Amino acid sequence: MVTFIILINTEHNKITEVAEQLADMPEISEVYSVTGIYDLVAIVRTRTNDDVAELVTNHIGPLEGIKSTDTMLAFKTFSQHDLESMFSL
């Protein structure tokens, strides 16, 4: 399994719409709205690099409201903490 982090800029009024469409894609495990220079962060887990290339090029890039993406490959996992427990109050 390969993990990618996709940083996404959207049109201002399309953040929620784009996030919901991304969350419906089976390869995307989480979508976060964030502060800073990006609007959304998507965590993607695929079997191969080619799978993520297909996802970004043919499914994410064409979504209405996306202005740009920056895709990062995760090399190594240092923590296996459950994300749900990390972000719960």
N, C-alpha and C. Protein backbone atom coordinates (compact mmCIF):
# COMPACT_ATOMS: atom_id res chain seq x y z
N MET A 1 0.85 -1.17 0.00
CA MET A 1 0.00 0.00 0.00
C MET A 1 0.90 1.24 0.00
N VAL A 2 0.55 2.21 -0.85
CA VAL A 2 1.30 3.45 -0.97
C VAL A 2 0.40 4.58 -0.46
N THR A 3 0.99 5.48 0.34
CA THR A 3 0.23 6.61 0.89
C THR A 3 0.71 7.90 0.25
N PHE A 4 -0.25 8.73 -0.15
CA PHE A 4 0.02 10.04 -0.71
C PHE A 4 -0.78 11.08 0.06
N ILE A 5 -0.22 12.27 0.14
CA ILE A 5 -0.92 13.41 0.72
C ILE A 5 -1.10 14.40 -0.43
N ILE A 6 -2.35 14.78 -0.67
CA ILE A 6 -2.63 15.73 -1.76
C ILE A 6 -3.11 17.03 -1.14
N LEU A 7 -2.37 18.10 -1.41
CA LEU A 7 -2.72 19.44 -0.95
C LEU A 7 -3.48 20.12 -2.08
N ILE A 8 -4.63 20.70 -1.75
CA ILE A 8 -5.55 21.17 -2.79
C ILE A 8 -5.97 22.61 -2.54
N ASN A 9 -5.94 23.41 -3.60
CA ASN A 9 -6.53 24.74 -3.58
C ASN A 9 -7.79 24.71 -4.42
N THR A 10 -8.85 25.30 -3.87
CA THR A 10 -10.14 25.33 -4.56
C THR A 10 -10.59 26.77 -4.75
N GLU A 11 -11.61 26.92 -5.56
CA GLU A 11 -12.30 28.21 -5.60
C GLU A 11 -12.95 28.40 -4.24
N HIS A 12 -12.96 29.63 -3.75
CA HIS A 12 -13.39 29.90 -2.37
C HIS A 12 -14.77 29.33 -2.04
N ASN A 13 -15.70 29.44 -2.93
CA ASN A 13 -17.07 28.99 -2.65
C ASN A 13 -17.29 27.50 -2.96
N LYS A 14 -16.23 26.76 -3.28
CA LYS A 14 -16.37 25.35 -3.66
C LYS A 14 -15.70 24.39 -2.67
N ILE A 15 -15.18 24.88 -1.56
CA ILE A 15 -14.43 24.02 -0.64
C ILE A 15 -15.26 22.82 -0.18
N THR A 16 -16.44 23.07 0.33
CA THR A 16 -17.27 21.98 0.85
C THR A 16 -17.68 21.01 -0.25
N GLU A 17 -18.08 21.55 -1.38
CA GLU A 17 -18.51 20.71 -2.50
C GLU A 17 -17.37 19.79 -2.97
N VAL A 18 -16.18 20.36 -3.13
CA VAL A 18 -15.03 19.56 -3.56
C VAL A 18 -14.68 18.53 -2.49
N ALA A 19 -14.67 18.93 -1.23
CA ALA A 19 -14.35 18.00 -0.13
C ALA A 19 -15.30 16.81 -0.12
N GLU A 20 -16.57 17.05 -0.32
CA GLU A 20 -17.55 15.96 -0.32
C GLU A 20 -17.34 15.01 -1.50
N GLN A 21 -17.01 15.56 -2.66
CA GLN A 21 -16.74 14.71 -3.82
C GLN A 21 -15.49 13.87 -3.61
N LEU A 22 -14.46 14.47 -3.02
CA LEU A 22 -13.23 13.72 -2.74
C LEU A 22 -13.49 12.61 -1.74
N ALA A 23 -14.25 12.91 -0.69
CA ALA A 23 -14.54 11.94 0.36
C ALA A 23 -15.29 10.72 -0.18
N ASP A 24 -16.00 10.88 -1.28
CA ASP A 24 -16.74 9.77 -1.88
C ASP A 24 -15.86 8.84 -2.72
N MET A 25 -14.63 9.25 -2.98
CA MET A 25 -13.72 8.41 -3.78
C MET A 25 -13.12 7.33 -2.89
N PRO A 26 -13.21 6.07 -3.30
CA PRO A 26 -12.76 4.97 -2.43
C PRO A 26 -11.27 5.00 -2.08
N GLU A 27 -10.44 5.58 -2.93
CA GLU A 27 -9.00 5.62 -2.66
C GLU A 27 -8.63 6.66 -1.60
N ILE A 28 -9.54 7.59 -1.35
CA ILE A 28 -9.26 8.68 -0.41
C ILE A 28 -9.81 8.30 0.96
N SER A 29 -8.91 8.17 1.93
CA SER A 29 -9.34 7.74 3.25
C SER A 29 -9.79 8.89 4.14
N GLU A 30 -9.21 10.07 3.98
CA GLU A 30 -9.62 11.24 4.75
C GLU A 30 -9.50 12.49 3.90
N VAL A 31 -10.35 13.47 4.20
CA VAL A 31 -10.26 14.80 3.60
C VAL A 31 -10.42 15.80 4.73
N TYR A 32 -9.49 16.75 4.81
CA TYR A 32 -9.52 17.77 5.85
C TYR A 32 -9.58 19.15 5.23
N SER A 33 -10.41 20.03 5.76
CA SER A 33 -10.28 21.45 5.44
C SER A 33 -9.25 21.99 6.42
N VAL A 34 -8.35 22.85 5.93
CA VAL A 34 -7.22 23.29 6.73
C VAL A 34 -6.99 24.78 6.60
N THR A 35 -6.20 25.31 7.54
CA THR A 35 -5.77 26.70 7.45
C THR A 35 -4.45 26.74 6.69
N GLY A 36 -4.05 27.93 6.29
CA GLY A 36 -2.78 28.08 5.59
C GLY A 36 -2.98 28.30 4.11
N ILE A 37 -1.97 27.93 3.34
CA ILE A 37 -2.01 28.24 1.91
C ILE A 37 -2.84 27.27 1.09
N TYR A 38 -3.25 26.16 1.69
CA TYR A 38 -4.10 25.20 1.01
C TYR A 38 -5.49 25.20 1.63
N ASP A 39 -6.47 24.75 0.88
CA ASP A 39 -7.84 24.69 1.36
C ASP A 39 -8.20 23.31 1.91
N LEU A 40 -7.69 22.27 1.25
CA LEU A 40 -8.02 20.89 1.62
C LEU A 40 -6.76 20.03 1.60
N VAL A 41 -6.78 18.99 2.44
CA VAL A 41 -5.74 17.97 2.42
C VAL A 41 -6.45 16.63 2.30
N ALA A 42 -6.04 15.84 1.31
CA ALA A 42 -6.62 14.50 1.12
C ALA A 42 -5.54 13.46 1.36
N ILE A 43 -5.89 12.44 2.13
CA ILE A 43 -4.99 11.31 2.37
C ILE A 43 -5.44 10.18 1.46
N VAL A 44 -4.51 9.70 0.63
CA VAL A 44 -4.82 8.71 -0.39
C VAL A 44 -3.98 7.46 -0.14
N ARG A 45 -4.63 6.32 -0.21
CA ARG A 45 -3.91 5.04 -0.09
C ARG A 45 -4.28 4.19 -1.31
N THR A 46 -3.25 3.84 -2.10
CA THR A 46 -3.45 3.04 -3.30
C THR A 46 -2.44 1.90 -3.32
N ARG A 47 -2.65 0.97 -4.23
CA ARG A 47 -1.73 -0.16 -4.35
C ARG A 47 -0.43 0.24 -5.04
N THR A 48 -0.51 1.13 -6.03
CA THR A 48 0.68 1.49 -6.81
C THR A 48 0.73 2.99 -7.06
N ASN A 49 1.90 3.45 -7.48
CA ASN A 49 2.05 4.85 -7.88
C ASN A 49 1.18 5.15 -9.10
N ASP A 50 1.06 4.19 -10.00
CA ASP A 50 0.22 4.38 -11.18
C ASP A 50 -1.24 4.63 -10.80
N ASP A 51 -1.69 3.99 -9.74
CA ASP A 51 -3.07 4.19 -9.28
C ASP A 51 -3.31 5.63 -8.85
N VAL A 52 -2.34 6.22 -8.14
CA VAL A 52 -2.53 7.60 -7.71
C VAL A 52 -2.39 8.56 -8.89
N ALA A 53 -1.54 8.23 -9.84
CA ALA A 53 -1.44 9.06 -11.05
C ALA A 53 -2.78 9.09 -11.78
N GLU A 54 -3.41 7.93 -11.89
CA GLU A 54 -4.75 7.84 -12.51
C GLU A 54 -5.77 8.66 -11.72
N LEU A 55 -5.74 8.53 -10.40
CA LEU A 55 -6.69 9.24 -9.55
C LEU A 55 -6.54 10.75 -9.69
N VAL A 56 -5.32 11.25 -9.58
CA VAL A 56 -5.09 12.70 -9.64
C VAL A 56 -5.39 13.24 -11.03
N THR A 57 -4.90 12.57 -12.04
CA THR A 57 -5.03 13.07 -13.41
C THR A 57 -6.46 12.98 -13.94
N ASN A 58 -7.12 11.86 -13.69
CA ASN A 58 -8.42 11.63 -14.33
C ASN A 58 -9.63 11.83 -13.44
N HIS A 59 -9.44 11.92 -12.12
CA HIS A 59 -10.59 12.03 -11.24
C HIS A 59 -10.57 13.30 -10.37
N ILE A 60 -9.40 13.64 -9.82
CA ILE A 60 -9.34 14.81 -8.95
C ILE A 60 -9.15 16.09 -9.76
N GLY A 61 -8.17 16.10 -10.65
CA GLY A 61 -7.87 17.29 -11.43
C GLY A 61 -9.06 17.89 -12.17
N PRO A 62 -9.90 17.07 -12.80
CA PRO A 62 -11.03 17.61 -13.55
C PRO A 62 -12.22 18.11 -12.70
N LEU A 63 -12.19 17.86 -11.37
CA LEU A 63 -13.33 18.30 -10.56
C LEU A 63 -13.52 19.81 -10.65
N GLU A 64 -14.76 20.21 -10.84
CA GLU A 64 -15.08 21.63 -10.89
C GLU A 64 -14.78 22.26 -9.53
N GLY A 65 -14.05 23.36 -9.55
CA GLY A 65 -13.74 24.07 -8.31
C GLY A 65 -12.31 23.88 -7.85
N ILE A 66 -11.59 22.90 -8.39
CA ILE A 66 -10.19 22.71 -8.02
C ILE A 66 -9.33 23.63 -8.87
N LYS A 67 -8.51 24.44 -8.18
CA LYS A 67 -7.59 25.34 -8.88
C LYS A 67 -6.22 24.71 -9.07
N SER A 68 -5.72 23.99 -8.04
CA SER A 68 -4.41 23.36 -8.14
C SER A 68 -4.26 22.27 -7.10
N THR A 69 -3.32 21.35 -7.36
CA THR A 69 -3.00 20.30 -6.40
C THR A 69 -1.49 20.18 -6.28
N ASP A 70 -1.05 19.68 -5.14
CA ASP A 70 0.36 19.37 -4.91
C ASP A 70 0.37 18.01 -4.23
N THR A 71 0.96 17.02 -4.89
CA THR A 71 0.90 15.65 -4.40
C THR A 71 2.23 15.24 -3.81
N MET A 72 2.19 14.68 -2.59
CA MET A 72 3.39 14.23 -1.91
C MET A 72 3.28 12.73 -1.63
N LEU A 73 4.37 12.02 -1.86
CA LEU A 73 4.46 10.59 -1.55
C LEU A 73 5.01 10.44 -0.14
N ALA A 74 4.34 9.67 0.69
CA ALA A 74 4.84 9.37 2.03
C ALA A 74 5.83 8.22 1.93
N PHE A 75 7.06 8.45 2.40
CA PHE A 75 8.10 7.43 2.34
C PHE A 75 7.95 6.38 3.43
N LYS A 76 7.76 6.86 4.67
CA LYS A 76 7.80 5.95 5.81
C LYS A 76 6.82 6.42 6.87
N THR A 77 6.16 5.48 7.52
CA THR A 77 5.25 5.79 8.62
C THR A 77 6.01 5.65 9.93
N PHE A 78 5.97 6.69 10.75
CA PHE A 78 6.65 6.66 12.03
C PHE A 78 5.70 6.42 13.19
N SER A 79 4.40 6.59 12.95
CA SER A 79 3.44 6.42 14.02
C SER A 79 2.21 5.72 13.48
N GLN A 80 1.69 4.80 14.23
CA GLN A 80 0.50 4.07 13.82
C GLN A 80 -0.71 4.49 14.65
N HIS A 81 -0.64 5.68 15.29
CA HIS A 81 -1.76 6.14 16.10
C HIS A 81 -3.05 6.15 15.29
N ASP A 82 -4.11 5.83 15.94
CA ASP A 82 -5.42 5.89 15.32
C ASP A 82 -5.80 7.35 15.11
N LEU A 83 -6.02 7.75 13.87
CA LEU A 83 -6.35 9.16 13.59
C LEU A 83 -7.60 9.62 14.31
N GLU A 84 -8.56 8.74 14.45
CA GLU A 84 -9.81 9.11 15.13
C GLU A 84 -9.53 9.54 16.57
N SER A 85 -8.70 8.82 17.27
CA SER A 85 -8.41 9.17 18.66
C SER A 85 -7.50 10.40 18.75
N MET A 86 -6.65 10.61 17.77
CA MET A 86 -5.76 11.78 17.79
C MET A 86 -6.54 13.08 17.68
N PHE A 87 -7.61 13.09 16.92
CA PHE A 87 -8.31 14.32 16.67
C PHE A 87 -9.60 14.46 17.50
N SER A 88 -9.91 13.50 18.32
CA SER A 88 -11.10 13.63 19.16
C SER A 88 -10.74 14.41 20.42
N LEU A 89 -11.71 15.16 20.92
CA LEU A 89 -11.47 16.00 22.09
C LEU A 89 -11.79 15.28 23.36
